[in-house]
Amino acid sequence: MTFRKYLVLAGITVFSTAGDSLLARGMKDFGGLSLHNLSGLLLAILNPWVATGILFLLTFFACYMSALSWADLTYVLPATSLAYVLVALIGHFRLHEEISPTRWLGIALIAAGVGFVAAGPSVTPAHRRRNSADARDAISLEVKS
């Protein structure tokens, strides 16, 4: 894998973590929100924390789409799960939240799973690909029968 691909995977993790954290921070400041009150929804989106979180999540989505263009979902999706580990660690160190032993076990299992998947190939080898002529022949046979 190239350095750019590692950079895209790191972007997935960092932008997802930052976007979720900023969105949560903004919504805690804003308070309760109802979908029946559209003006409240617009005010929430204009909150600087929420707006920045949305921008980070849009960047995450762009990185995610880029990664899916060159790797299988089974390879890219664990990169997003690494964001859960970062969110838990940020909450522990920055917000001084206590992490239970069960949660530490979950963090360790997620990190091990990400490492296990990252050690494998990014694209599953195809068994046998048909060329377009074979596909057209198969379709015409189905239509005739």
C-alpha atoms as a PDB file:
ATOM      1  CA  MET A   1       0.000   0.000   0.000  1.00  0.00           C
ATOM      2  CA  THR A   2       1.160   3.492  -0.768  1.00  0.00           C
ATOM      3  CA  PHE A   3       1.655   6.377   1.638  1.00  0.00           C
ATOM      4  CA  ARG A   4      -1.389   8.156   0.178  1.00  0.00           C
ATOM      5  CA  LYS A   5      -3.615   5.182   0.954  1.00  0.00           C
ATOM      6  CA  TYR A   6      -2.388   5.122   4.553  1.00  0.00           C
ATOM      7  CA  LEU A   7      -3.061   8.841   4.694  1.00  0.00           C
ATOM      8  CA  VAL A   8      -6.646   8.317   3.494  1.00  0.00           C
ATOM      9  CA  LEU A   9      -7.206   5.610   6.141  1.00  0.00           C
ATOM     10  CA  ALA A  10      -5.764   7.922   8.807  1.00  0.00           C
ATOM     11  CA  GLY A  11      -8.075  10.675   7.532  1.00  0.00           C
ATOM     12  CA  ILE A  12     -11.053   8.362   7.940  1.00  0.00           C
ATOM     13  CA  THR A  13     -10.172   7.742  11.560  1.00  0.00           C
ATOM     14  CA  VAL A  14      -9.206  11.307  12.502  1.00  0.00           C
ATOM     15  CA  PHE A  15     -12.023  13.153  10.716  1.00  0.00           C
ATOM     16  CA  SER A  16     -14.649  10.706  11.983  1.00  0.00           C
ATOM     17  CA  THR A  17     -13.425  11.042  15.565  1.00  0.00           C
ATOM     18  CA  ALA A  18     -13.114  14.823  15.441  1.00  0.00           C
ATOM     19  CA  GLY A  19     -16.445  15.269  13.665  1.00  0.00           C
ATOM     20  CA  ASP A  20     -18.357  13.090  16.121  1.00  0.00           C
ATOM     21  CA  SER A  21     -16.698  14.758  19.116  1.00  0.00           C
ATOM     22  CA  LEU A  22     -17.372  18.294  17.860  1.00  0.00           C
ATOM     23  CA  LEU A  23     -20.960  17.413  16.980  1.00  0.00           C
ATOM     24  CA  ALA A  24     -21.534  15.957  20.451  1.00  0.00           C
ATOM     25  CA  ARG A  25     -19.965  19.010  22.107  1.00  0.00           C
ATOM     26  CA  GLY A  26     -22.138  21.394  20.116  1.00  0.00           C
ATOM     27  CA  MET A  27     -25.337  19.500  20.755  1.00  0.00           C
ATOM     28  CA  LYS A  28     -24.632  19.321  24.502  1.00  0.00           C
ATOM     29  CA  ASP A  29     -24.267  23.115  24.495  1.00  0.00           C
ATOM     30  CA  PHE A  30     -27.421  23.525  22.432  1.00  0.00           C
ATOM     31  CA  GLY A  31     -29.647  21.246  24.502  1.00  0.00           C
ATOM     32  CA  GLY A  32     -32.783  19.382  23.477  1.00  0.00           C
ATOM     33  CA  LEU A  33     -33.922  19.385  19.877  1.00  0.00           C
ATOM     34  CA  SER A  34     -37.165  18.334  18.242  1.00  0.00           C
ATOM     35  CA  LEU A  35     -37.636  17.541  14.584  1.00  0.00           C
ATOM     36  CA  HIS A  36     -40.983  19.338  14.763  1.00  0.00           C
ATOM     37  CA  ASN A  37     -39.154  22.621  15.394  1.00  0.00           C
ATOM     38  CA  LEU A  38     -37.254  23.378  12.150  1.00  0.00           C
ATOM     39  CA  SER A  39     -36.019  26.759  13.351  1.00  0.00           C
ATOM     40  CA  GLY A  40     -34.362  25.031  16.311  1.00  0.00           C
ATOM     41  CA  LEU A  41     -32.722  22.583  13.918  1.00  0.00           C
ATOM     42  CA  LEU A  42     -31.341  25.450  11.819  1.00  0.00           C
ATOM     43  CA  LEU A  43     -30.070  27.199  14.944  1.00  0.00           C
ATOM     44  CA  ALA A  44     -28.322  23.979  15.989  1.00  0.00           C
ATOM     45  CA  ILE A  45     -26.622  23.721  12.597  1.00  0.00           C
ATOM     46  CA  LEU A  46     -25.406  27.325  12.947  1.00  0.00           C
ATOM     47  CA  ASN A  47     -23.721  26.510  16.269  1.00  0.00           C
ATOM     48  CA  PRO A  48     -19.960  26.757  15.535  1.00  0.00           C
ATOM     49  CA  TRP A  49     -19.202  23.397  17.178  1.00  0.00           C
ATOM     50  CA  VAL A  50     -21.944  21.638  15.222  1.00  0.00           C
ATOM     51  CA  ALA A  51     -21.028  23.334  11.934  1.00  0.00           C
ATOM     52  CA  THR A  52     -17.356  22.405  12.354  1.00  0.00           C
ATOM     53  CA  GLY A  53     -18.359  18.848  13.255  1.00  0.00           C
ATOM     54  CA  ILE A  54     -20.473  18.620  10.106  1.00  0.00           C
ATOM     55  CA  LEU A  55     -17.537  19.846   7.997  1.00  0.00           C
ATOM     56  CA  PHE A  56     -15.248  17.254   9.568  1.00  0.00           C
ATOM     57  CA  LEU A  57     -17.828  14.527   8.938  1.00  0.00           C
ATOM     58  CA  LEU A  58     -18.155  15.630   5.294  1.00  0.00           C
ATOM     59  CA  THR A  59     -14.375  15.345   4.981  1.00  0.00           C
ATOM     60  CA  PHE A  60     -14.569  11.896   6.611  1.00  0.00           C
ATOM     61  CA  PHE A  61     -17.180  10.891   4.043  1.00  0.00           C
ATOM     62  CA  ALA A  62     -14.974  12.064   1.157  1.00  0.00           C
ATOM     63  CA  CYS A  63     -12.039  10.039   2.546  1.00  0.00           C
ATOM     64  CA  TYR A  64     -14.349   7.055   3.054  1.00  0.00           C
ATOM     65  CA  MET A  65     -15.572   7.182  -0.548  1.00  0.00           C
ATOM     66  CA  SER A  66     -11.998   7.506  -1.767  1.00  0.00           C
ATOM     67  CA  ALA A  67     -10.934   4.448   0.223  1.00  0.00           C
ATOM     68  CA  LEU A  68     -13.876   2.421  -1.068  1.00  0.00           C
ATOM     69  CA  SER A  69     -12.787   3.184  -4.626  1.00  0.00           C
ATOM     70  CA  TRP A  70      -9.569   1.162  -4.165  1.00  0.00           C
ATOM     71  CA  ALA A  71     -10.298  -1.237  -1.289  1.00  0.00           C
ATOM     72  CA  ASP A  72     -13.005  -3.640  -0.186  1.00  0.00           C
ATOM     73  CA  LEU A  73     -15.583  -2.619   2.417  1.00  0.00           C
ATOM     74  CA  THR A  74     -14.288  -5.379   4.700  1.00  0.00           C
ATOM     75  CA  TYR A  75     -10.924  -3.607   4.723  1.00  0.00           C
ATOM     76  CA  VAL A  76     -12.158   0.002   5.003  1.00  0.00           C
ATOM     77  CA  LEU A  77     -14.852  -0.499   7.636  1.00  0.00           C
ATOM     78  CA  PRO A  78     -12.433  -1.527  10.420  1.00  0.00           C
ATOM     79  CA  ALA A  79     -10.626   1.787   9.886  1.00  0.00           C
ATOM     80  CA  THR A  80     -13.846   3.500  10.945  1.00  0.00           C
ATOM     81  CA  SER A  81     -14.063   1.311  14.044  1.00  0.00           C
ATOM     82  CA  LEU A  82     -10.671   2.613  15.160  1.00  0.00           C
ATOM     83  CA  ALA A  83     -12.447   5.935  15.662  1.00  0.00           C
ATOM     84  CA  TYR A  84     -14.417   4.340  18.542  1.00  0.00           C
ATOM     85  CA  VAL A  85     -11.129   3.596  20.273  1.00  0.00           C
ATOM     86  CA  LEU A  86      -9.985   7.199  19.830  1.00  0.00           C
ATOM     87  CA  VAL A  87     -13.278   8.612  21.122  1.00  0.00           C
ATOM     88  CA  ALA A  88     -13.045   6.432  24.242  1.00  0.00           C
ATOM     89  CA  LEU A  89      -9.439   7.469  24.843  1.00  0.00           C
ATOM     90  CA  ILE A  90     -10.220  11.163  24.278  1.00  0.00           C
ATOM     91  CA  GLY A  91     -13.063  10.918  26.773  1.00  0.00           C
ATOM     92  CA  HIS A  92     -10.753   9.249  29.273  1.00  0.00           C
ATOM     93  CA  PHE A  93      -7.810  11.640  29.023  1.00  0.00           C
ATOM     94  CA  ARG A  94      -9.480  14.926  28.163  1.00  0.00           C
ATOM     95  CA  LEU A  95     -12.751  14.666  30.032  1.00  0.00           C
ATOM     96  CA  HIS A  96     -11.409  12.513  32.884  1.00  0.00           C
ATOM     97  CA  GLU A  97     -14.113   9.908  32.378  1.00  0.00           C
ATOM     98  CA  GLU A  98     -13.452   6.585  34.036  1.00  0.00           C
ATOM     99  CA  ILE A  99     -13.191   3.602  31.702  1.00  0.00           C
ATOM    100  CA  SER A 100     -14.421   0.330  33.152  1.00  0.00           C
ATOM    101  CA  PRO A 101     -12.441  -2.916  32.691  1.00  0.00           C
ATOM    102  CA  THR A 102     -15.158  -4.166  30.354  1.00  0.00           C
ATOM    103  CA  ARG A 103     -14.767  -1.104  28.168  1.00  0.00           C
ATOM    104  CA  TRP A 104     -10.959  -1.550  28.152  1.00  0.00           C
ATOM    105  CA  LEU A 105     -11.533  -5.115  26.974  1.00  0.00           C
ATOM    106  CA  GLY A 106     -13.795  -3.825  24.197  1.00  0.00           C
ATOM    107  CA  ILE A 107     -11.163  -1.272  23.176  1.00  0.00           C
ATOM    108  CA  ALA A 108      -8.517  -4.006  23.065  1.00  0.00           C
ATOM    109  CA  LEU A 109     -10.754  -6.274  20.956  1.00  0.00           C
ATOM    110  CA  ILE A 110     -11.502  -3.478  18.477  1.00  0.00           C
ATOM    111  CA  ALA A 111      -7.814  -2.588  18.186  1.00  0.00           C
ATOM    112  CA  ALA A 112      -6.892  -6.263  17.694  1.00  0.00           C
ATOM    113  CA  GLY A 113      -9.576  -6.648  15.028  1.00  0.00           C
ATOM    114  CA  VAL A 114      -8.347  -3.580  13.163  1.00  0.00           C
ATOM    115  CA  GLY A 115      -4.794  -4.946  13.298  1.00  0.00           C
ATOM    116  CA  PHE A 116      -5.952  -8.347  12.072  1.00  0.00           C
ATOM    117  CA  VAL A 117      -7.803  -6.885   9.089  1.00  0.00           C
ATOM    118  CA  ALA A 118      -5.042  -4.374   8.279  1.00  0.00           C
ATOM    119  CA  ALA A 119      -2.549  -7.244   7.978  1.00  0.00           C
ATOM    120  CA  GLY A 120      -4.587  -8.770   5.144  1.00  0.00           C
ATOM    121  CA  PRO A 121      -4.993  -7.654   1.550  1.00  0.00           C
ATOM    122  CA  SER A 122      -6.961  -4.495   0.838  1.00  0.00           C
ATOM    123  CA  VAL A 123      -8.728  -6.089  -2.130  1.00  0.00           C
ATOM    124  CA  THR A 124     -10.046  -9.645  -2.253  1.00  0.00           C
ATOM    125  CA  PRO A 125      -8.717 -11.396  -5.373  1.00  0.00           C
ATOM    126  CA  ALA A 126     -11.469 -12.026  -7.927  1.00  0.00           C
ATOM    127  CA  HIS A 127     -12.115 -15.654  -8.828  1.00  0.00           C
ATOM    128  CA  ARG A 128     -12.850 -15.312 -12.518  1.00  0.00           C
ATOM    129  CA  ARG A 129     -13.989 -12.149 -14.172  1.00  0.00           C
ATOM    130  CA  ARG A 130     -16.059 -12.244 -17.303  1.00  0.00           C
ATOM    131  CA  ASN A 131     -15.224  -9.877 -20.056  1.00  0.00           C
ATOM    132  CA  SER A 132     -18.013  -7.870 -21.622  1.00  0.00           C
ATOM    133  CA  ALA A 133     -18.453 -10.306 -24.546  1.00  0.00           C
ATOM    134  CA  ASP A 134     -19.068 -13.230 -22.160  1.00  0.00           C
ATOM    135  CA  ALA A 135     -21.566 -11.133 -20.237  1.00  0.00           C
ATOM    136  CA  ARG A 136     -23.439 -10.152 -23.408  1.00  0.00           C
ATOM    137  CA  ASP A 137     -23.584 -13.823 -24.503  1.00  0.00           C
ATOM    138  CA  ALA A 138     -24.984 -14.871 -21.130  1.00  0.00           C
ATOM    139  CA  ILE A 139     -27.626 -12.140 -21.217  1.00  0.00           C
ATOM    140  CA  SER A 140     -28.676 -13.000 -24.780  1.00  0.00           C
ATOM    141  CA  LEU A 141     -29.017 -16.692 -23.810  1.00  0.00           C
ATOM    142  CA  GLU A 142     -31.253 -15.732 -20.882  1.00  0.00           C
ATOM    143  CA  VAL A 143     -33.418 -13.542 -23.101  1.00  0.00           C
ATOM    144  CA  LYS A 144     -33.866 -16.296 -25.723  1.00  0.00           C
ATOM    145  CA  SER A 145     -34.965 -18.911 -23.174  1.00  0.00           C
END
